[in-house]
Amino acid sequence: MIECSDVVLIACASKFHPLHVRAAVESGKHVFVEKPPAIDPAGIKMLAEACV
């Protein structure tokens, strides 16, 4: 589904946000993610790496 869109809105359980953000960013899409974007240090690290 990500390939068919320009923007991805992530509104699911917070523990999945980093995984979905990484997939969307790797697909070259604009991303909106609800708060909190991550709930643990590993998720925060994954988000930081995806956004570089």
PDB file of N, CA and C in Angstrom:
ATOM      1  N   MET A   1       0.818  -1.196   0.000  1.00  0.00           N
ATOM      2  CA  MET A   1       0.000   0.000   0.000  1.00  0.00           C
ATOM      3  C   MET A   1       0.861   1.259   0.000  1.00  0.00           C
ATOM      4  N   ILE A   2       2.009   1.206   0.645  1.00  0.00           N
ATOM      5  CA  ILE A   2       2.870   2.384   0.736  1.00  0.00           C
ATOM      6  C   ILE A   2       3.277   2.867  -0.655  1.00  0.00           C
ATOM      7  N   GLU A   3       3.531   1.958  -1.575  1.00  0.00           N
ATOM      8  CA  GLU A   3       3.983   2.344  -2.911  1.00  0.00           C
ATOM      9  C   GLU A   3       2.942   3.157  -3.676  1.00  0.00           C
ATOM     10  N   CYS A   4       1.673   3.031  -3.326  1.00  0.00           N
ATOM     11  CA  CYS A   4       0.581   3.696  -4.039  1.00  0.00           C
ATOM     12  C   CYS A   4       0.283   5.103  -3.528  1.00  0.00           C
ATOM     13  N   SER A   5       1.032   5.591  -2.554  1.00  0.00           N
ATOM     14  CA  SER A   5       0.700   6.880  -1.951  1.00  0.00           C
ATOM     15  C   SER A   5       1.916   7.816  -1.910  1.00  0.00           C
ATOM     16  N   ASP A   6       1.644   9.101  -1.653  1.00  0.00           N
ATOM     17  CA  ASP A   6       2.710  10.097  -1.499  1.00  0.00           C
ATOM     18  C   ASP A   6       3.014  10.362  -0.034  1.00  0.00           C
ATOM     19  N   VAL A   7       2.002  10.200   0.808  1.00  0.00           N
ATOM     20  CA  VAL A   7       2.118  10.505   2.231  1.00  0.00           C
ATOM     21  C   VAL A   7       1.618   9.307   3.029  1.00  0.00           C
ATOM     22  N   VAL A   8       2.303   9.021   4.133  1.00  0.00           N
ATOM     23  CA  VAL A   8       1.899   7.922   4.999  1.00  0.00           C
ATOM     24  C   VAL A   8       1.536   8.498   6.361  1.00  0.00           C
ATOM     25  N   LEU A   9       0.351   8.176   6.855  1.00  0.00           N
ATOM     26  CA  LEU A   9      -0.101   8.568   8.185  1.00  0.00           C
ATOM     27  C   LEU A   9      -0.040   7.335   9.064  1.00  0.00           C
ATOM     28  N   ILE A  10       0.752   7.403  10.124  1.00  0.00           N
ATOM     29  CA  ILE A  10       0.925   6.262  11.013  1.00  0.00           C
ATOM     30  C   ILE A  10       0.134   6.524  12.288  1.00  0.00           C
ATOM     31  N   ALA A  11      -0.910   5.739  12.492  1.00  0.00           N
ATOM     32  CA  ALA A  11      -1.778   5.859  13.665  1.00  0.00           C
ATOM     33  C   ALA A  11      -2.135   4.447  14.118  1.00  0.00           C
ATOM     34  N   CYS A  12      -1.208   3.837  14.816  1.00  0.00           N
ATOM     35  CA  CYS A  12      -1.406   2.472  15.301  1.00  0.00           C
ATOM     36  C   CYS A  12      -0.815   2.387  16.710  1.00  0.00           C
ATOM     37  N   ALA A  13      -0.660   1.198  17.244  1.00  0.00           N
ATOM     38  CA  ALA A  13      -0.051   1.041  18.557  1.00  0.00           C
ATOM     39  C   ALA A  13       1.365   1.629  18.538  1.00  0.00           C
ATOM     40  N   SER A  14       1.709   2.370  19.575  1.00  0.00           N
ATOM     41  CA  SER A  14       2.989   3.100  19.618  1.00  0.00           C
ATOM     42  C   SER A  14       4.202   2.209  19.431  1.00  0.00           C
ATOM     43  N   LYS A  15       4.119   0.960  19.846  1.00  0.00           N
ATOM     44  CA  LYS A  15       5.283   0.081  19.712  1.00  0.00           C
ATOM     45  C   LYS A  15       5.614  -0.220  18.248  1.00  0.00           C
ATOM     46  N   PHE A  16       4.673  -0.004  17.338  1.00  0.00           N
ATOM     47  CA  PHE A  16       4.914  -0.255  15.920  1.00  0.00           C
ATOM     48  C   PHE A  16       5.338   0.990  15.140  1.00  0.00           C
ATOM     49  N   HIS A  17       5.258   2.154  15.725  1.00  0.00           N
ATOM     50  CA  HIS A  17       5.585   3.388  15.016  1.00  0.00           C
ATOM     51  C   HIS A  17       6.972   3.360  14.377  1.00  0.00           C
ATOM     52  N   PRO A  18       8.055   3.027  15.115  1.00  0.00           N
ATOM     53  CA  PRO A  18       9.381   3.047  14.488  1.00  0.00           C
ATOM     54  C   PRO A  18       9.487   2.133  13.266  1.00  0.00           C
ATOM     55  N   LEU A  19       8.882   0.952  13.332  1.00  0.00           N
ATOM     56  CA  LEU A  19       8.946   0.024  12.198  1.00  0.00           C
ATOM     57  C   LEU A  19       8.250   0.587  10.969  1.00  0.00           C
ATOM     58  N   HIS A  20       7.078   1.168  11.169  1.00  0.00           N
ATOM     59  CA  HIS A  20       6.322   1.721  10.051  1.00  0.00           C
ATOM     60  C   HIS A  20       6.964   2.990   9.506  1.00  0.00           C
ATOM     61  N   VAL A  21       7.533   3.812  10.388  1.00  0.00           N
ATOM     62  CA  VAL A  21       8.243   5.020   9.929  1.00  0.00           C
ATOM     63  C   VAL A  21       9.423   4.613   9.061  1.00  0.00           C
ATOM     64  N   ARG A  22      10.204   3.648   9.520  1.00  0.00           N
ATOM     65  CA  ARG A  22      11.368   3.210   8.744  1.00  0.00           C
ATOM     66  C   ARG A  22      10.946   2.700   7.369  1.00  0.00           C
ATOM     67  N   ALA A  23       9.908   1.896   7.304  1.00  0.00           N
ATOM     68  CA  ALA A  23       9.441   1.369   6.013  1.00  0.00           C
ATOM     69  C   ALA A  23       8.996   2.491   5.086  1.00  0.00           C
ATOM     70  N   ALA A  24       8.285   3.472   5.618  1.00  0.00           N
ATOM     71  CA  ALA A  24       7.799   4.580   4.790  1.00  0.00           C
ATOM     72  C   ALA A  24       8.947   5.463   4.313  1.00  0.00           C
ATOM     73  N   VAL A  25       9.881   5.755   5.188  1.00  0.00           N
ATOM     74  CA  VAL A  25      11.026   6.594   4.810  1.00  0.00           C
ATOM     75  C   VAL A  25      11.882   5.879   3.762  1.00  0.00           C
ATOM     76  N   GLU A  26      12.097   4.586   3.943  1.00  0.00           N
ATOM     77  CA  GLU A  26      12.872   3.825   2.959  1.00  0.00           C
ATOM     78  C   GLU A  26      12.179   3.789   1.597  1.00  0.00           C
ATOM     79  N   SER A  27      10.862   3.951   1.584  1.00  0.00           N
ATOM     80  CA  SER A  27      10.108   3.996   0.330  1.00  0.00           C
ATOM     81  C   SER A  27      10.069   5.396  -0.269  1.00  0.00           C
ATOM     82  N   GLY A  28      10.680   6.370   0.428  1.00  0.00           N
ATOM     83  CA  GLY A  28      10.742   7.731  -0.086  1.00  0.00           C
ATOM     84  C   GLY A  28       9.462   8.526   0.099  1.00  0.00           C
ATOM     85  N   LYS A  29       8.675   8.201   1.110  1.00  0.00           N
ATOM     86  CA  LYS A  29       7.395   8.875   1.334  1.00  0.00           C
ATOM     87  C   LYS A  29       7.500   9.903   2.454  1.00  0.00           C
ATOM     88  N   HIS A  30       6.605  10.873   2.434  1.00  0.00           N
ATOM     89  CA  HIS A  30       6.457  11.813   3.542  1.00  0.00           C
ATOM     90  C   HIS A  30       5.702  11.076   4.646  1.00  0.00           C
ATOM     91  N   VAL A  31       6.065  11.355   5.902  1.00  0.00           N
ATOM     92  CA  VAL A  31       5.495  10.595   7.008  1.00  0.00           C
ATOM     93  C   VAL A  31       4.931  11.528   8.073  1.00  0.00           C
ATOM     94  N   PHE A  32       3.716  11.226   8.510  1.00  0.00           N
ATOM     95  CA  PHE A  32       3.114  11.843   9.690  1.00  0.00           C
ATOM     96  C   PHE A  32       2.893  10.707  10.679  1.00  0.00           C
ATOM     97  N   VAL A  33       3.392  10.874  11.906  1.00  0.00           N
ATOM     98  CA  VAL A  33       3.235   9.839  12.918  1.00  0.00           C
ATOM     99  C   VAL A  33       2.645  10.455  14.181  1.00  0.00           C
ATOM    100  N   GLU A  34       1.651   9.765  14.756  1.00  0.00           N
ATOM    101  CA  GLU A  34       1.030  10.294  15.967  1.00  0.00           C
ATOM    102  C   GLU A  34       1.988  10.154  17.153  1.00  0.00           C
ATOM    103  N   LYS A  35       1.693  10.898  18.214  1.00  0.00           N
ATOM    104  CA  LYS A  35       2.533  10.860  19.406  1.00  0.00           C
ATOM    105  C   LYS A  35       2.183   9.659  20.255  1.00  0.00           C
ATOM    106  N   PRO A  36       3.093   9.097  20.954  1.00  0.00           N
ATOM    107  CA  PRO A  36       4.540   9.267  20.913  1.00  0.00           C
ATOM    108  C   PRO A  36       5.120   8.494  19.725  1.00  0.00           C
ATOM    109  N   PRO A  37       6.111   9.045  19.067  1.00  0.00           N
ATOM    110  CA  PRO A  37       6.686   8.348  17.917  1.00  0.00           C
ATOM    111  C   PRO A  37       7.439   7.077  18.308  1.00  0.00           C
ATOM    112  N   ALA A  38       7.937   7.019  19.536  1.00  0.00           N
ATOM    113  CA  ALA A  38       8.615   5.817  20.038  1.00  0.00           C
ATOM    114  C   ALA A  38       8.442   5.765  21.548  1.00  0.00           C
ATOM    115  N   ILE A  39       8.504   4.558  22.104  1.00  0.00           N
ATOM    116  CA  ILE A  39       8.263   4.422  23.544  1.00  0.00           C
ATOM    117  C   ILE A  39       9.433   3.808  24.297  1.00  0.00           C
ATOM    118  N   ASP A  40      10.509   3.470  23.598  1.00  0.00           N
ATOM    119  CA  ASP A  40      11.668   2.896  24.264  1.00  0.00           C
ATOM    120  C   ASP A  40      12.946   3.354  23.554  1.00  0.00           C
ATOM    121  N   PRO A  41      14.108   3.190  24.199  1.00  0.00           N
ATOM    122  CA  PRO A  41      15.362   3.646  23.586  1.00  0.00           C
ATOM    123  C   PRO A  41      15.647   3.013  22.223  1.00  0.00           C
ATOM    124  N   ALA A  42      15.322   1.740  22.058  1.00  0.00           N
ATOM    125  CA  ALA A  42      15.561   1.090  20.765  1.00  0.00           C
ATOM    126  C   ALA A  42      14.705   1.720  19.662  1.00  0.00           C
ATOM    127  N   GLY A  43      13.464   2.033  19.976  1.00  0.00           N
ATOM    128  CA  GLY A  43      12.581   2.685  19.001  1.00  0.00           C
ATOM    129  C   GLY A  43      13.053   4.080  18.656  1.00  0.00           C
ATOM    130  N   ILE A  44      13.517   4.819  19.651  1.00  0.00           N
ATOM    131  CA  ILE A  44      14.040   6.166  19.406  1.00  0.00           C
ATOM    132  C   ILE A  44      15.272   6.104  18.511  1.00  0.00           C
ATOM    133  N   LYS A  45      16.131   5.137  18.756  1.00  0.00           N
ATOM    134  CA  LYS A  45      17.335   4.969  17.922  1.00  0.00           C
ATOM    135  C   LYS A  45      16.933   4.639  16.483  1.00  0.00           C
ATOM    136  N   MET A  46      15.952   3.759  16.314  1.00  0.00           N
ATOM    137  CA  MET A  46      15.488   3.383  14.980  1.00  0.00           C
ATOM    138  C   MET A  46      14.919   4.596  14.236  1.00  0.00           C
ATOM    139  N   LEU A  47      14.153   5.434  14.943  1.00  0.00           N
ATOM    140  CA  LEU A  47      13.621   6.646  14.319  1.00  0.00           C
ATOM    141  C   LEU A  47      14.738   7.608  13.924  1.00  0.00           C
ATOM    142  N   ALA A  48      15.704   7.790  14.801  1.00  0.00           N
ATOM    143  CA  ALA A  48      16.808   8.690  14.503  1.00  0.00           C
ATOM    144  C   ALA A  48      17.579   8.220  13.271  1.00  0.00           C
ATOM    145  N   GLU A  49      17.807   6.929  13.160  1.00  0.00           N
ATOM    146  CA  GLU A  49      18.523   6.393  12.005  1.00  0.00           C
ATOM    147  C   GLU A  49      17.707   6.528  10.724  1.00  0.00           C
ATOM    148  N   ALA A  50      16.401   6.375  10.817  1.00  0.00           N
ATOM    149  CA  ALA A  50      15.540   6.474   9.630  1.00  0.00           C
ATOM    150  C   ALA A  50      15.457   7.902   9.111  1.00  0.00           C
ATOM    151  N   CYS A  51      15.612   8.866  10.007  1.00  0.00           N
ATOM    152  CA  CYS A  51      15.421  10.267   9.630  1.00  0.00           C
ATOM    153  C   CYS A  51      16.706  10.972   9.217  1.00  0.00           C
ATOM    154  N   VAL A  52      17.772  10.252   9.091  1.00  0.00           N
ATOM    155  CA  VAL A  52      19.051  10.879   8.681  1.00  0.00           C
ATOM    156  C   VAL A  52      19.156  10.941   7.195  1.00  0.00           C
TER     157      VAL A  52
END
